[in-house]
């Protein structure tokens, strides 16, 4: 992964990303030598978002199959919440 210092980014602006993103999908922005931010191509970001949603769907289905999700009415849900308070 390429790295750009905050000072370089300040001097060159977003044009500093173009050369770095030709080789990698992600670029680290360093502040005082420490990685503080990561910039990535939009298509990479979209893939990460999709993967995160797929993972959440998988977890939800597993929770439902294990009985950890109740598909009750609103009144039933509120009653269950109040019983645990």
N, C-alpha and C. Protein backbone atom coordinates (compact mmCIF):
# COMPACT_ATOMS: atom_id res chain seq x y z
N UNK A 1 0.85 -1.16 0.00
CA UNK A 1 0.00 0.00 0.00
C UNK A 1 0.90 1.23 0.00
N UNK A 2 0.60 2.17 -0.87
CA UNK A 2 1.35 3.40 -0.94
C UNK A 2 1.01 4.30 0.24
N UNK A 3 1.90 5.26 0.49
CA UNK A 3 1.67 6.21 1.58
C UNK A 3 1.98 7.61 1.10
N UNK A 4 1.16 8.55 1.54
CA UNK A 4 1.34 9.96 1.25
C UNK A 4 1.31 10.70 2.58
N UNK A 5 2.26 11.58 2.78
CA UNK A 5 2.25 12.34 4.03
C UNK A 5 1.21 13.45 3.95
N UNK A 6 0.74 13.87 5.10
CA UNK A 6 -0.25 14.95 5.15
C UNK A 6 0.33 16.22 4.54
N UNK A 7 1.64 16.45 4.75
CA UNK A 7 2.28 17.62 4.17
C UNK A 7 2.26 17.60 2.66
N UNK A 8 2.55 16.42 2.08
CA UNK A 8 2.51 16.29 0.62
C UNK A 8 1.10 16.49 0.11
N UNK A 9 0.13 15.94 0.79
CA UNK A 9 -1.27 16.11 0.40
C UNK A 9 -1.66 17.59 0.45
N UNK A 10 -1.19 18.28 1.46
CA UNK A 10 -1.47 19.71 1.60
C UNK A 10 -0.88 20.50 0.44
N UNK A 11 0.34 20.14 0.01
CA UNK A 11 1.00 20.84 -1.09
C UNK A 11 0.38 20.52 -2.44
N UNK A 12 0.11 19.24 -2.68
CA UNK A 12 -0.31 18.81 -4.01
C UNK A 12 -1.81 18.64 -4.16
N UNK A 13 -2.54 18.57 -3.07
CA UNK A 13 -3.97 18.35 -3.14
C UNK A 13 -4.30 16.94 -3.59
N UNK A 14 -5.50 16.78 -4.13
CA UNK A 14 -5.94 15.44 -4.51
C UNK A 14 -5.14 14.86 -5.68
N UNK A 15 -4.40 15.70 -6.39
CA UNK A 15 -3.57 15.17 -7.49
C UNK A 15 -2.47 14.25 -6.96
N UNK A 16 -2.19 14.32 -5.67
CA UNK A 16 -1.19 13.43 -5.07
C UNK A 16 -1.65 11.98 -5.08
N UNK A 17 -2.96 11.76 -5.18
CA UNK A 17 -3.49 10.40 -5.14
C UNK A 17 -3.33 9.66 -6.46
N UNK A 18 -3.40 10.37 -7.57
CA UNK A 18 -3.40 9.70 -8.88
C UNK A 18 -2.23 8.75 -9.08
N UNK A 19 -0.96 9.19 -8.89
CA UNK A 19 0.14 8.24 -9.10
C UNK A 19 0.11 7.07 -8.11
N UNK A 20 -0.27 7.35 -6.89
CA UNK A 20 -0.29 6.30 -5.87
C UNK A 20 -1.38 5.27 -6.15
N UNK A 21 -2.51 5.72 -6.68
CA UNK A 21 -3.63 4.81 -6.92
C UNK A 21 -3.51 4.05 -8.24
N UNK A 22 -2.50 4.34 -9.04
CA UNK A 22 -2.32 3.56 -10.26
C UNK A 22 -1.78 2.17 -9.94
N UNK A 23 -1.00 2.06 -8.87
CA UNK A 23 -0.40 0.77 -8.49
C UNK A 23 -1.23 0.03 -7.46
N UNK A 24 -1.89 0.75 -6.57
CA UNK A 24 -2.65 0.15 -5.47
C UNK A 24 -4.09 0.65 -5.48
N UNK A 25 -4.98 -0.10 -4.84
CA UNK A 25 -6.36 0.34 -4.68
C UNK A 25 -6.52 1.25 -3.48
N UNK A 26 -5.50 1.30 -2.62
CA UNK A 26 -5.60 2.07 -1.39
C UNK A 26 -4.32 2.87 -1.18
N UNK A 27 -4.45 4.02 -0.53
CA UNK A 27 -3.31 4.86 -0.19
C UNK A 27 -3.45 5.30 1.26
N UNK A 28 -2.38 5.13 2.03
CA UNK A 28 -2.37 5.60 3.41
C UNK A 28 -1.99 7.07 3.44
N UNK A 29 -2.64 7.82 4.31
CA UNK A 29 -2.23 9.19 4.58
C UNK A 29 -1.61 9.19 5.96
N UNK A 30 -0.34 9.59 6.01
CA UNK A 30 0.37 9.57 7.28
C UNK A 30 0.42 10.97 7.88
N UNK A 31 0.29 11.01 9.18
CA UNK A 31 0.42 12.25 9.94
C UNK A 31 1.49 11.99 10.99
N UNK A 32 2.56 12.77 10.92
CA UNK A 32 3.70 12.58 11.81
C UNK A 32 4.22 11.14 11.80
N UNK A 33 4.23 10.54 10.62
CA UNK A 33 4.77 9.20 10.46
C UNK A 33 3.82 8.07 10.81
N UNK A 34 2.64 8.38 11.27
CA UNK A 34 1.66 7.35 11.65
C UNK A 34 0.51 7.33 10.64
N UNK A 35 0.09 6.14 10.25
CA UNK A 35 -1.06 6.02 9.36
C UNK A 35 -2.32 6.49 10.09
N UNK A 36 -2.99 7.48 9.54
CA UNK A 36 -4.19 8.02 10.16
C UNK A 36 -5.44 7.81 9.31
N UNK A 37 -5.27 7.79 8.00
CA UNK A 37 -6.41 7.68 7.09
C UNK A 37 -6.04 6.76 5.93
N UNK A 38 -7.06 6.24 5.27
CA UNK A 38 -6.85 5.45 4.06
C UNK A 38 -7.83 5.96 3.02
N UNK A 39 -7.31 6.22 1.83
CA UNK A 39 -8.12 6.62 0.69
C UNK A 39 -8.12 5.46 -0.28
N UNK A 40 -9.27 5.17 -0.86
CA UNK A 40 -9.34 4.06 -1.81
C UNK A 40 -10.19 4.43 -3.01
N UNK A 41 -10.01 3.66 -4.07
CA UNK A 41 -10.81 3.85 -5.27
C UNK A 41 -12.28 3.54 -4.95
N UNK A 42 -13.17 4.23 -5.65
CA UNK A 42 -14.60 4.10 -5.38
C UNK A 42 -15.09 2.67 -5.60
N UNK A 43 -14.59 1.97 -6.62
CA UNK A 43 -15.06 0.60 -6.85
C UNK A 43 -14.62 -0.33 -5.73
N UNK A 44 -13.45 -0.10 -5.17
CA UNK A 44 -12.98 -0.89 -4.02
C UNK A 44 -13.88 -0.63 -2.81
N UNK A 45 -14.22 0.64 -2.59
CA UNK A 45 -15.10 1.00 -1.49
C UNK A 45 -16.47 0.33 -1.65
N UNK A 46 -16.99 0.33 -2.87
CA UNK A 46 -18.29 -0.31 -3.13
C UNK A 46 -18.23 -1.81 -2.84
N UNK A 47 -17.11 -2.46 -3.22
CA UNK A 47 -16.96 -3.89 -2.94
C UNK A 47 -16.91 -4.15 -1.44
N UNK A 48 -16.22 -3.29 -0.70
CA UNK A 48 -16.16 -3.44 0.76
C UNK A 48 -17.53 -3.26 1.40
N UNK A 49 -18.28 -2.28 0.93
CA UNK A 49 -19.64 -2.07 1.45
C UNK A 49 -20.52 -3.27 1.18
N UNK A 50 -20.42 -3.82 -0.02
CA UNK A 50 -21.21 -5.00 -0.38
C UNK A 50 -20.82 -6.19 0.49
N UNK A 51 -19.53 -6.37 0.71
CA UNK A 51 -19.06 -7.48 1.55
C UNK A 51 -19.56 -7.32 2.99
N UNK A 52 -19.56 -6.09 3.47
CA UNK A 52 -20.05 -5.82 4.83
C UNK A 52 -21.55 -6.14 4.94
N UNK A 53 -22.32 -5.78 3.93
CA UNK A 53 -23.75 -6.08 3.94
C UNK A 53 -23.99 -7.59 3.83
N UNK A 54 -23.21 -8.27 3.00
CA UNK A 54 -23.34 -9.72 2.89
C UNK A 54 -23.04 -10.40 4.23
N UNK A 55 -22.02 -9.91 4.91
CA UNK A 55 -21.66 -10.46 6.23
C UNK A 55 -22.79 -10.22 7.23
N UNK A 56 -23.36 -9.03 7.23
CA UNK A 56 -24.46 -8.73 8.14
C UNK A 56 -25.67 -9.62 7.84
N UNK A 57 -25.95 -9.85 6.57
CA UNK A 57 -27.06 -10.72 6.19
C UNK A 57 -26.80 -12.15 6.67
N UNK A 58 -25.58 -12.62 6.50
CA UNK A 58 -25.21 -13.97 6.95
C UNK A 58 -25.39 -14.10 8.47
N UNK A 59 -24.92 -13.10 9.22
CA UNK A 59 -25.09 -13.12 10.68
C UNK A 59 -26.56 -13.09 11.08
N UNK A 60 -27.35 -12.29 10.40
CA UNK A 60 -28.77 -12.20 10.70
C UNK A 60 -29.47 -13.53 10.45
N UNK A 61 -29.15 -14.15 9.33
CA UNK A 61 -29.76 -15.46 9.03
C UNK A 61 -29.35 -16.50 10.06
N UNK A 62 -28.10 -16.46 10.50
CA UNK A 62 -27.63 -17.41 11.53
C UNK A 62 -28.34 -17.14 12.85
N UNK A 63 -28.51 -15.89 13.21
CA UNK A 63 -29.23 -15.54 14.44
C UNK A 63 -30.69 -16.01 14.37
N UNK A 64 -31.30 -15.81 13.21
CA UNK A 64 -32.71 -16.24 13.05
C UNK A 64 -32.82 -17.76 13.15
N UNK A 65 -31.90 -18.47 12.50
CA UNK A 65 -31.92 -19.94 12.53
C UNK A 65 -31.68 -20.46 13.94
N UNK A 66 -30.88 -19.74 14.74
CA UNK A 66 -30.58 -20.17 16.11
C UNK A 66 -31.64 -19.71 17.10
N UNK A 67 -32.66 -19.01 16.61
CA UNK A 67 -33.74 -18.56 17.51
C UNK A 67 -33.41 -17.32 18.32
N UNK A 68 -32.40 -16.58 17.91
CA UNK A 68 -32.02 -15.37 18.64
C UNK A 68 -32.76 -14.14 18.15
N UNK A 69 -33.64 -14.31 17.16
CA UNK A 69 -34.44 -13.20 16.64
C UNK A 69 -35.91 -13.61 16.77
N UNK A 70 -36.67 -12.70 17.33
CA UNK A 70 -38.10 -12.96 17.47
C UNK A 70 -38.86 -12.18 16.40
N UNK A 71 -39.72 -12.84 15.70
CA UNK A 71 -40.54 -12.15 14.70
C UNK A 71 -41.94 -11.94 15.26
N UNK A 72 -41.96 -11.24 16.37
CA UNK A 72 -43.16 -10.97 17.15
C UNK A 72 -43.79 -9.66 16.70
N UNK A 73 -44.92 -9.33 17.32
CA UNK A 73 -45.54 -8.03 17.08
C UNK A 73 -44.78 -6.96 17.87
N UNK A 74 -45.07 -5.71 17.59
CA UNK A 74 -44.45 -4.61 18.33
C UNK A 74 -44.81 -4.71 19.80
N UNK A 75 -46.07 -4.99 20.09
CA UNK A 75 -46.51 -5.11 21.49
C UNK A 75 -45.76 -6.24 22.20
N UNK A 76 -45.59 -7.37 21.52
CA UNK A 76 -44.86 -8.49 22.11
C UNK A 76 -43.40 -8.15 22.35
N UNK A 77 -42.82 -7.41 21.42
CA UNK A 77 -41.43 -7.00 21.58
C UNK A 77 -41.27 -6.06 22.75
N UNK A 78 -42.14 -5.08 22.87
CA UNK A 78 -42.08 -4.15 24.01
C UNK A 78 -42.28 -4.87 25.34
N UNK A 79 -43.16 -5.85 25.36
CA UNK A 79 -43.39 -6.62 26.58
C UNK A 79 -42.12 -7.39 26.98
N UNK A 80 -41.44 -7.96 25.98
CA UNK A 80 -40.21 -8.70 26.24
C UNK A 80 -39.11 -7.77 26.75
N UNK A 81 -39.03 -6.58 26.19
CA UNK A 81 -38.02 -5.60 26.62
C UNK A 81 -38.29 -5.17 28.06
N UNK A 82 -39.52 -4.87 28.36
CA UNK A 82 -39.87 -4.41 29.72
C UNK A 82 -39.65 -5.50 30.76
N UNK A 83 -39.78 -6.75 30.37
CA UNK A 83 -39.58 -7.85 31.29
C UNK A 83 -38.11 -7.99 31.68
N UNK A 84 -37.19 -7.53 30.83
CA UNK A 84 -35.76 -7.66 31.09
C UNK A 84 -35.15 -6.41 31.74
N UNK A 85 -35.94 -5.41 32.00
CA UNK A 85 -35.40 -4.16 32.59
C UNK A 85 -35.39 -4.22 34.08
